[in-house]
Amino acid sequence: MNDPSPASSPGPDKTAIRKSAIEKVLGSPFIENNKVQLLKSGRETFQTILDLVSAAGKIICIEFYIFKDDDTGKRLATLLKEKAKEGVKVYLLYDHFGSFLTSRHFWSDLKKSGVSIRVSHPFKWKSPREYMYRNHKKLLIIDGMKAVTGGFNIADEYHGYFRKRNITWRDTGIYLEGPIAYTLLNMFQRSWSTWKGELINCHTINKPTDHGVPVIPVFANSGRARRRMRRLLIYSIRNARESILLTTAYFVPSKRILRALLHAARRGVSLKLLLPGSSDVQSVFYAGRSHYSRLLKAGAEIYNYQGSVLHAKTTVFDGCWSIIGSANFDFQSLRKNEESNVGVYDTDFSARMTEVFQTDLKNSFKIDAGNWSMRPLHHKFMEKLFSLIIKKL
């Protein structure tokens, strides 16, 4: 892996977004002195995961919404079984709804090899409505010293590594090394304990770095944490002065977030939204498009990604403050899910995020306000219908 460039921070005239204000909103501090690397594709992310798991010496903690028993899942599972037999402690937490189609034999085979497995949010007949709450996190932690998170899951379509179809999903991840990894390990321990997992013992020594990057967890493990995540998004949008580059797979913003985006565009912030041109969830796809007209009128630029399913979840504010992880701009992520994101306050990392965003725009179609108003009537009907349905959820 390439070492990142030295960290740098924006001057006070560049942005109104402040580290101290972010910490106040989230109720937790930035973790200093970390190495970070943007993982720009599913193949790069998955290869990083394989390399990290192969090199693990003490513990491997894995927490994923979807863990399929396809080629990708089987290859990672084989490696996890090998590490468990070597004496490495392997802890795997998956979501019941997200991994519903994964076979029982797949899980039992992992358990027989020494992998500790827990399932989050299993269905209960006595409280079926609780099944709407899901663990949507995507997290790998190695030895409490290295970690990977992002928007991807463990499945062929996210990685393209064993692609059998022509469609590969477009996703983004982040590699983290340093004290932030141990902080994420503690957060994993809390989730693991919630689902009756045993105590995880791991003592690490993270070497200090001269030019580390400040990183802050933006996790949503409870209703209170989800409220903080929503407040952080609104704070960041309201305090952006120059630009907002938003990429998300599912875009159905709340009234407050939509209002903040509209106000940002109207006050002259360069607001660019990179959204899917096609989606695996049609209801959310059409409900999100119902907001296009207001955003375009306010001055926002909207791009629809072409050629594959867009699944990344990243935002860059004023070229200095970035958020990357699992949370989408929709009701499920912001109100129901447990989510794993990290915020990076660093201009060099934000520059790399911006480069990826600009590359994605080359594979996207820009929505023209005039042409948008002339879209087919049945599209307008679907937008209105699903917008009303989602509002009643």
Protein backbone atom coordinates (compact mmCIF):
# COMPACT_ATOMS: atom_id res chain seq x y z
CA MET A 1 0.00 0.00 0.00
CA ASN A 2 1.16 3.48 -0.76
CA ASP A 3 1.85 5.81 2.14
CA PRO A 4 -0.42 8.85 2.13
CA SER A 5 0.83 12.36 1.69
CA PRO A 6 1.39 14.43 4.84
CA ALA A 7 -1.78 15.75 6.41
CA SER A 8 -2.80 19.34 5.93
CA SER A 9 -5.73 21.45 7.06
CA PRO A 10 -7.65 24.23 5.37
CA GLY A 11 -7.21 27.84 6.38
CA PRO A 12 -10.04 29.57 8.24
CA ASP A 13 -11.00 31.50 5.09
CA LYS A 14 -11.63 28.30 3.12
CA THR A 15 -14.40 26.75 5.20
CA ALA A 16 -16.65 27.31 8.17
CA ILE A 17 -16.51 23.62 9.06
CA ARG A 18 -14.44 23.18 12.23
CA LYS A 19 -13.03 20.05 13.85
CA SER A 20 -14.15 21.25 17.29
CA ALA A 21 -17.72 21.71 16.06
CA ILE A 22 -17.73 18.23 14.48
CA GLU A 23 -16.55 16.75 17.78
CA LYS A 24 -19.30 18.62 19.64
CA VAL A 25 -21.99 17.34 17.28
CA LEU A 26 -20.81 13.73 17.53
CA GLY A 27 -19.88 13.84 21.21
CA SER A 28 -16.50 12.21 20.54
CA PRO A 29 -13.01 13.39 19.55
CA PHE A 30 -11.00 13.03 16.37
CA ILE A 31 -8.39 10.27 16.58
CA GLU A 32 -5.05 11.71 15.44
CA ASN A 33 -2.01 10.17 13.73
CA ASN A 34 -3.53 7.71 11.28
CA LYS A 35 -2.63 6.54 7.81
CA VAL A 36 -5.50 6.48 5.33
CA GLN A 37 -5.83 5.22 1.78
CA LEU A 38 -8.80 5.59 -0.52
CA LEU A 39 -9.88 2.31 -2.14
CA LYS A 40 -11.30 3.39 -5.46
CA SER A 41 -12.89 0.18 -6.71
CA GLY A 42 -14.39 -3.07 -5.53
CA ARG A 43 -11.46 -5.08 -6.86
CA GLU A 44 -8.95 -2.89 -5.01
CA THR A 45 -11.01 -3.09 -1.83
CA PHE A 46 -11.39 -6.86 -1.94
CA GLN A 47 -7.71 -7.44 -2.68
CA THR A 48 -6.89 -5.25 0.32
CA ILE A 49 -9.23 -7.35 2.46
CA LEU A 50 -7.58 -10.59 1.31
CA ASP A 51 -4.09 -9.21 1.95
CA LEU A 52 -5.00 -7.96 5.44
CA VAL A 53 -6.70 -11.19 6.46
CA SER A 54 -3.75 -13.23 5.17
CA ALA A 55 -1.33 -11.17 7.29
CA ALA A 56 -3.44 -11.19 10.48
CA GLY A 57 -1.55 -12.47 13.51
CA LYS A 58 -3.96 -12.14 16.48
CA ILE A 59 -7.58 -11.32 15.70
CA ILE A 60 -9.86 -10.70 12.74
CA CYS A 61 -13.17 -8.90 13.29
CA ILE A 62 -15.68 -8.83 10.44
CA GLU A 63 -19.06 -7.09 10.52
CA PHE A 64 -21.10 -7.03 7.30
CA TYR A 65 -24.70 -6.50 6.28
CA ILE A 66 -24.40 -8.96 3.40
CA PHE A 67 -22.03 -11.91 3.38
CA LYS A 68 -22.95 -14.19 0.48
CA ASP A 69 -21.83 -17.75 -0.15
CA ASP A 70 -20.90 -16.93 -3.77
CA ASP A 71 -17.37 -17.04 -5.20
CA THR A 72 -16.30 -13.92 -3.31
CA GLY A 73 -17.76 -15.07 0.00
CA LYS A 74 -16.35 -18.57 -0.38
CA ARG A 75 -12.85 -17.34 -1.09
CA LEU A 76 -12.86 -15.09 1.97
CA ALA A 77 -14.43 -17.86 4.07
CA THR A 78 -11.70 -20.30 3.04
CA LEU A 79 -9.07 -17.81 4.14
CA LEU A 80 -10.86 -17.20 7.45
CA LYS A 81 -10.96 -20.93 8.15
CA GLU A 82 -7.25 -21.20 7.44
CA LYS A 83 -6.47 -18.34 9.83
CA ALA A 84 -8.67 -19.86 12.55
CA LYS A 85 -6.78 -23.15 12.25
CA GLU A 86 -3.53 -21.22 12.63
CA GLY A 87 -4.77 -19.92 15.98
CA VAL A 88 -5.94 -16.48 14.93
CA LYS A 89 -9.18 -15.48 16.69
CA VAL A 90 -11.84 -14.80 14.05
CA TYR A 91 -15.10 -13.03 14.95
CA LEU A 92 -17.81 -12.65 12.32
CA LEU A 93 -21.05 -10.69 12.78
CA TYR A 94 -23.60 -10.62 9.96
CA ASP A 95 -27.10 -9.21 9.61
CA HIS A 96 -29.97 -11.69 9.43
CA PHE A 97 -31.98 -9.82 6.79
CA GLY A 98 -29.00 -8.83 4.65
CA SER A 99 -27.54 -12.35 4.60
CA PHE A 100 -30.88 -14.18 4.58
CA LEU A 101 -30.10 -16.18 1.43
CA THR A 102 -26.70 -17.40 2.64
CA SER A 103 -26.95 -21.10 3.38
CA ARG A 104 -26.85 -22.53 6.90
CA HIS A 105 -24.20 -24.99 5.77
CA PHE A 106 -21.92 -22.06 4.90
CA TRP A 107 -22.15 -20.71 8.47
CA SER A 108 -21.88 -24.11 10.14
CA ASP A 109 -18.78 -24.94 8.11
CA LEU A 110 -17.14 -21.72 9.33
CA LYS A 111 -18.08 -22.52 12.93
CA LYS A 112 -16.62 -26.02 12.68
CA SER A 113 -13.33 -24.48 11.59
CA GLY A 114 -13.17 -22.31 14.70
CA VAL A 115 -14.72 -19.04 13.49
CA SER A 116 -16.92 -17.37 16.11
CA ILE A 117 -20.17 -16.23 14.49
CA ARG A 118 -23.07 -14.11 15.72
CA VAL A 119 -26.11 -12.83 13.84
CA SER A 120 -27.65 -9.41 14.37
CA HIS A 121 -31.36 -8.55 14.33
CA PRO A 122 -32.79 -12.05 13.81
CA PHE A 123 -36.49 -12.20 13.01
CA LYS A 124 -38.77 -12.68 16.02
CA TRP A 125 -42.45 -13.52 15.68
CA LYS A 126 -43.28 -11.70 18.92
CA SER A 127 -41.84 -8.42 17.58
CA PRO A 128 -41.87 -8.52 13.73
CA ARG A 129 -41.64 -4.73 13.37
CA GLU A 130 -38.15 -4.80 14.90
CA TYR A 131 -37.00 -6.60 11.76
CA MET A 132 -36.94 -3.21 10.04
CA TYR A 133 -33.89 -2.35 12.15
CA ARG A 134 -30.78 -3.72 10.44
CA ASN A 135 -27.04 -3.83 10.90
CA HIS A 136 -25.93 -2.18 7.65
CA LYS A 137 -22.28 -1.81 8.70
CA LYS A 138 -19.33 -2.94 6.59
CA LEU A 139 -16.21 -3.30 8.70
CA LEU A 140 -13.00 -5.34 8.85
CA ILE A 141 -10.48 -4.91 11.69
CA ILE A 142 -7.13 -6.70 11.82
CA ASP A 143 -5.20 -7.03 15.11
CA GLY A 144 -6.69 -3.76 16.36
CA MET A 145 -4.18 -1.93 14.13
CA LYS A 146 -5.67 -1.89 10.63
CA ALA A 147 -9.19 -1.55 9.33
CA VAL A 148 -11.28 -1.26 6.18
CA THR A 149 -14.77 0.20 5.80
CA GLY A 150 -16.90 1.65 3.01
CA GLY A 151 -20.08 0.95 1.09
CA PHE A 152 -19.33 -2.57 -0.15
CA ASN A 153 -20.56 -5.98 1.02
CA ILE A 154 -19.04 -9.44 0.70
CA ALA A 155 -20.53 -10.52 -2.62
CA ASP A 156 -19.53 -10.86 -6.26
CA GLU A 157 -21.43 -7.84 -7.53
CA TYR A 158 -19.64 -5.44 -5.20
CA HIS A 159 -16.13 -6.58 -6.04
CA GLY A 160 -16.15 -7.75 -9.64
CA TYR A 161 -13.34 -10.13 -8.71
CA PHE A 162 -15.18 -13.24 -9.85
CA ARG A 163 -17.56 -11.46 -12.17
CA LYS A 164 -19.98 -13.78 -13.94
CA ARG A 165 -22.20 -11.01 -15.28
CA ASN A 166 -21.33 -7.87 -17.18
CA ILE A 167 -22.58 -5.59 -14.40
CA THR A 168 -20.19 -4.72 -11.58
CA TRP A 169 -21.36 -2.38 -8.85
CA ARG A 170 -19.45 0.88 -8.37
CA ASP A 171 -18.30 1.20 -4.76
CA THR A 172 -15.68 2.95 -2.64
CA GLY A 173 -13.78 1.93 0.51
CA ILE A 174 -11.13 3.28 2.84
CA TYR A 175 -8.11 1.63 4.44
CA LEU A 176 -7.18 2.86 7.93
CA GLU A 177 -4.07 2.20 9.97
CA GLY A 178 -3.25 3.55 13.41
CA PRO A 179 -5.11 4.41 16.63
CA ILE A 180 -8.44 4.73 14.79
CA ALA A 181 -8.38 0.95 14.18
CA TYR A 182 -8.32 0.24 17.91
CA THR A 183 -11.21 2.65 18.42
CA LEU A 184 -13.17 0.77 15.76
CA LEU A 185 -12.29 -2.50 17.48
CA ASN A 186 -13.90 -1.22 20.68
CA MET A 187 -17.00 -0.26 18.70
CA PHE A 188 -17.10 -3.74 17.16
CA GLN A 189 -16.81 -5.23 20.66
CA ARG A 190 -19.93 -3.36 21.74
CA SER A 191 -21.89 -4.67 18.75
CA TRP A 192 -20.51 -8.17 19.30
CA SER A 193 -21.54 -8.09 22.96
CA THR A 194 -25.04 -6.87 22.06
CA TRP A 195 -25.57 -10.14 20.19
CA LYS A 196 -24.14 -12.23 23.04
CA GLY A 197 -20.62 -12.54 21.71
CA GLU A 198 -17.74 -13.31 24.09
CA LEU A 199 -15.21 -10.78 25.34
CA ILE A 200 -12.52 -9.93 22.79
CA ASN A 201 -9.02 -9.46 24.20
CA CYS A 202 -6.58 -7.57 22.02
CA HIS A 203 -3.71 -5.36 23.16
CA THR A 204 -2.03 -3.33 20.44
CA ILE A 205 0.80 -0.87 20.14
CA ASN A 206 0.20 1.66 17.36
CA LYS A 207 3.40 3.36 16.33
CA PRO A 208 3.13 7.16 16.30
CA THR A 209 3.49 8.92 12.95
CA ASP A 210 4.86 12.37 12.21
CA HIS A 211 2.25 13.23 9.63
CA GLY A 212 -0.91 11.40 10.66
CA VAL A 213 -4.42 12.15 9.49
CA PRO A 214 -7.25 12.96 11.94
CA VAL A 215 -10.16 10.52 11.63
CA ILE A 216 -13.43 10.40 13.56
CA PRO A 217 -15.92 7.51 13.66
CA VAL A 218 -19.40 8.42 12.45
CA PHE A 219 -21.20 5.27 13.59
CA ALA A 220 -24.92 4.84 14.11
CA ASN A 221 -25.42 2.09 16.68
CA SER A 222 -28.50 3.58 18.38
CA GLY A 223 -31.27 6.11 17.94
CA ARG A 224 -29.13 8.71 19.67
CA ALA A 225 -26.17 8.00 17.40
CA ARG A 226 -28.39 8.23 14.31
CA ARG A 227 -29.62 11.64 15.46
CA ARG A 228 -26.00 12.76 15.83
CA MET A 229 -25.19 11.47 12.35
CA ARG A 230 -28.11 13.43 10.89
CA ARG A 231 -27.03 16.57 12.78
CA LEU A 232 -23.49 16.16 11.45
CA LEU A 233 -24.73 16.00 7.86
CA ILE A 234 -26.89 19.09 8.34
CA TYR A 235 -24.05 20.94 10.09
CA SER A 236 -21.63 20.09 7.27
CA ILE A 237 -24.09 21.14 4.54
CA ARG A 238 -25.00 24.39 6.29
CA ASN A 239 -21.38 25.38 6.91
CA ALA A 240 -19.97 24.51 3.49
CA ARG A 241 -18.84 27.68 1.72
CA GLU A 242 -17.45 26.49 -1.58
CA SER A 243 -18.47 22.98 -2.60
CA ILE A 244 -20.37 19.81 -1.72
CA LEU A 245 -19.69 16.63 -3.71
CA LEU A 246 -22.24 14.01 -2.72
CA THR A 247 -22.31 10.42 -3.96
CA THR A 248 -24.99 8.07 -2.69
CA ALA A 249 -26.74 4.90 -3.83
CA TYR A 250 -30.14 5.74 -2.33
CA PHE A 251 -31.23 9.38 -2.23
CA VAL A 252 -34.44 10.17 -0.36
CA PRO A 253 -33.37 13.01 1.96
CA SER A 254 -35.39 14.12 4.97
CA LYS A 255 -37.10 17.51 4.85
CA ARG A 256 -34.33 19.10 6.96
CA ILE A 257 -31.51 17.67 4.84
CA LEU A 258 -33.26 18.59 1.59
CA ARG A 259 -33.85 22.12 2.89
CA ALA A 260 -30.17 22.42 3.84
CA LEU A 261 -29.09 21.25 0.37
CA LEU A 262 -31.44 23.72 -1.32
CA HIS A 263 -30.20 26.61 0.83
CA ALA A 264 -26.57 25.66 0.10
CA ALA A 265 -27.17 25.73 -3.66
CA ARG A 266 -29.05 29.03 -3.47
CA ARG A 267 -26.28 30.74 -1.53
CA GLY A 268 -23.75 29.86 -4.20
CA VAL A 269 -22.18 26.62 -2.95
CA SER A 270 -21.24 24.34 -5.84
CA LEU A 271 -23.54 21.42 -5.07
CA LYS A 272 -22.97 18.34 -7.22
CA LEU A 273 -24.98 15.17 -6.67
CA LEU A 274 -23.81 11.87 -8.17
CA LEU A 275 -26.77 9.48 -8.09
CA PRO A 276 -27.60 6.14 -9.72
CA GLY A 277 -28.79 5.96 -13.30
CA SER A 278 -30.28 2.57 -12.41
CA SER A 279 -30.94 0.92 -9.07
CA ASP A 280 -31.73 -2.39 -7.42
CA VAL A 281 -34.46 -0.69 -5.34
CA GLN A 282 -36.93 0.93 -7.74
CA SER A 283 -39.14 2.50 -5.06
CA VAL A 284 -36.23 4.48 -3.61
CA PHE A 285 -34.91 5.24 -7.08
CA TYR A 286 -38.14 6.96 -8.18
CA ALA A 287 -38.82 8.60 -4.82
CA GLY A 288 -35.40 10.24 -4.94
CA ARG A 289 -35.98 11.55 -8.46
CA SER A 290 -39.07 13.41 -7.22
CA HIS A 291 -36.65 15.96 -5.65
CA TYR A 292 -34.67 16.64 -8.82
CA SER A 293 -36.77 19.58 -10.04
CA ARG A 294 -36.42 21.61 -6.84
CA LEU A 295 -32.69 20.92 -6.61
CA LEU A 296 -32.06 21.83 -10.26
CA LYS A 297 -34.06 25.03 -9.89
CA ALA A 298 -31.95 25.96 -6.83
CA GLY A 299 -28.76 25.59 -8.87
CA ALA A 300 -27.60 22.07 -8.00
CA GLU A 301 -25.94 19.87 -10.60
CA ILE A 302 -27.25 16.30 -10.77
CA TYR A 303 -25.45 13.44 -12.51
CA ASN A 304 -26.73 9.91 -13.09
CA TYR A 305 -24.01 7.26 -13.11
CA GLN A 306 -24.06 5.03 -16.20
CA GLY A 307 -22.90 1.52 -17.03
CA SER A 308 -23.18 -0.10 -13.61
CA VAL A 309 -25.06 0.20 -10.34
CA LEU A 310 -23.73 3.04 -8.19
CA HIS A 311 -23.42 1.87 -4.58
CA ALA A 312 -20.78 4.23 -3.10
CA LYS A 313 -21.57 6.57 -0.18
CA THR A 314 -19.14 9.48 0.02
CA THR A 315 -19.31 13.24 0.60
CA VAL A 316 -16.64 15.94 0.33
CA PHE A 317 -17.23 19.39 1.84
CA ASP A 318 -15.09 22.39 0.83
CA GLY A 319 -12.24 20.14 -0.26
CA CYS A 320 -11.17 19.44 3.33
CA TRP A 321 -13.81 17.42 5.20
CA SER A 322 -14.86 14.00 3.87
CA ILE A 323 -17.26 11.32 5.05
CA ILE A 324 -17.10 7.78 3.67
CA GLY A 325 -18.87 4.61 4.76
CA SER A 326 -22.12 2.66 4.62
CA ALA A 327 -24.85 5.27 5.21
CA ASN A 328 -27.07 6.46 2.37
CA PHE A 329 -29.16 9.63 2.21
CA ASP A 330 -32.43 7.80 2.77
CA PHE A 331 -34.94 6.98 5.48
CA GLN A 332 -33.65 3.46 6.16
CA SER A 333 -30.04 4.55 6.75
CA LEU A 334 -30.80 7.73 8.67
CA ARG A 335 -33.65 6.37 10.83
CA LYS A 336 -33.46 2.58 11.10
CA ASN A 337 -30.02 1.14 10.33
CA GLU A 338 -26.82 0.68 12.25
CA GLU A 339 -24.18 2.31 10.04
CA SER A 340 -20.37 2.54 9.88
CA ASN A 341 -18.76 5.70 8.52
CA VAL A 342 -15.58 7.62 9.18
CA GLY A 343 -14.89 11.31 8.76
CA VAL A 344 -11.47 12.50 7.57
CA TYR A 345 -10.44 16.14 8.09
CA ASP A 346 -7.60 16.48 5.60
CA THR A 347 -7.20 18.37 2.32
CA ASP A 348 -4.95 15.76 0.68
CA PHE A 349 -7.40 12.93 1.30
CA SER A 350 -10.29 15.14 0.17
CA ALA A 351 -8.34 15.89 -3.01
CA ARG A 352 -8.12 12.16 -3.75
CA MET A 353 -11.85 11.83 -3.06
CA THR A 354 -12.50 14.71 -5.44
CA GLU A 355 -10.39 13.07 -8.17
CA VAL A 356 -12.48 9.90 -7.92
CA PHE A 357 -15.67 11.98 -8.00
CA GLN A 358 -14.51 13.78 -11.16
CA THR A 359 -13.64 10.44 -12.78
CA ASP A 360 -17.11 9.13 -11.97
CA LEU A 361 -18.66 12.21 -13.58
CA LYS A 362 -17.01 11.18 -16.86
CA ASN A 363 -19.09 8.00 -16.69
CA SER A 364 -22.27 9.90 -15.84
CA PHE A 365 -25.08 11.73 -17.60
CA LYS A 366 -25.75 15.30 -16.47
CA ILE A 367 -29.43 16.07 -15.93
CA ASP A 368 -30.56 19.12 -17.91
CA ALA A 369 -33.28 21.12 -16.17
CA GLY A 370 -35.17 21.77 -19.40
CA ASN A 371 -35.08 18.19 -20.61
CA TRP A 372 -35.93 16.91 -17.14
CA SER A 373 -39.28 18.72 -17.19
CA MET A 374 -40.07 16.86 -20.45
CA ARG A 375 -39.50 13.37 -19.04
CA PRO A 376 -42.23 10.77 -19.70
CA LEU A 377 -45.50 11.11 -17.81
CA HIS A 378 -45.30 7.59 -16.39
CA HIS A 379 -41.93 8.47 -14.79
CA LYS A 380 -43.53 11.46 -13.07
CA PHE A 381 -46.34 9.21 -11.86
CA MET A 382 -43.88 6.67 -10.41
CA GLU A 383 -41.94 9.47 -8.68
CA LYS A 384 -45.07 10.87 -7.08
CA LEU A 385 -46.40 7.46 -6.09
CA PHE A 386 -43.25 6.18 -4.39
CA SER A 387 -42.56 9.55 -2.79
CA LEU A 388 -45.97 9.42 -1.09
CA ILE A 389 -45.49 5.78 -0.04
CA ILE A 390 -42.08 6.39 1.52
CA LYS A 391 -43.32 9.48 3.38
CA LYS A 392 -45.89 7.28 5.13
CA LEU A 393 -43.32 4.77 6.38
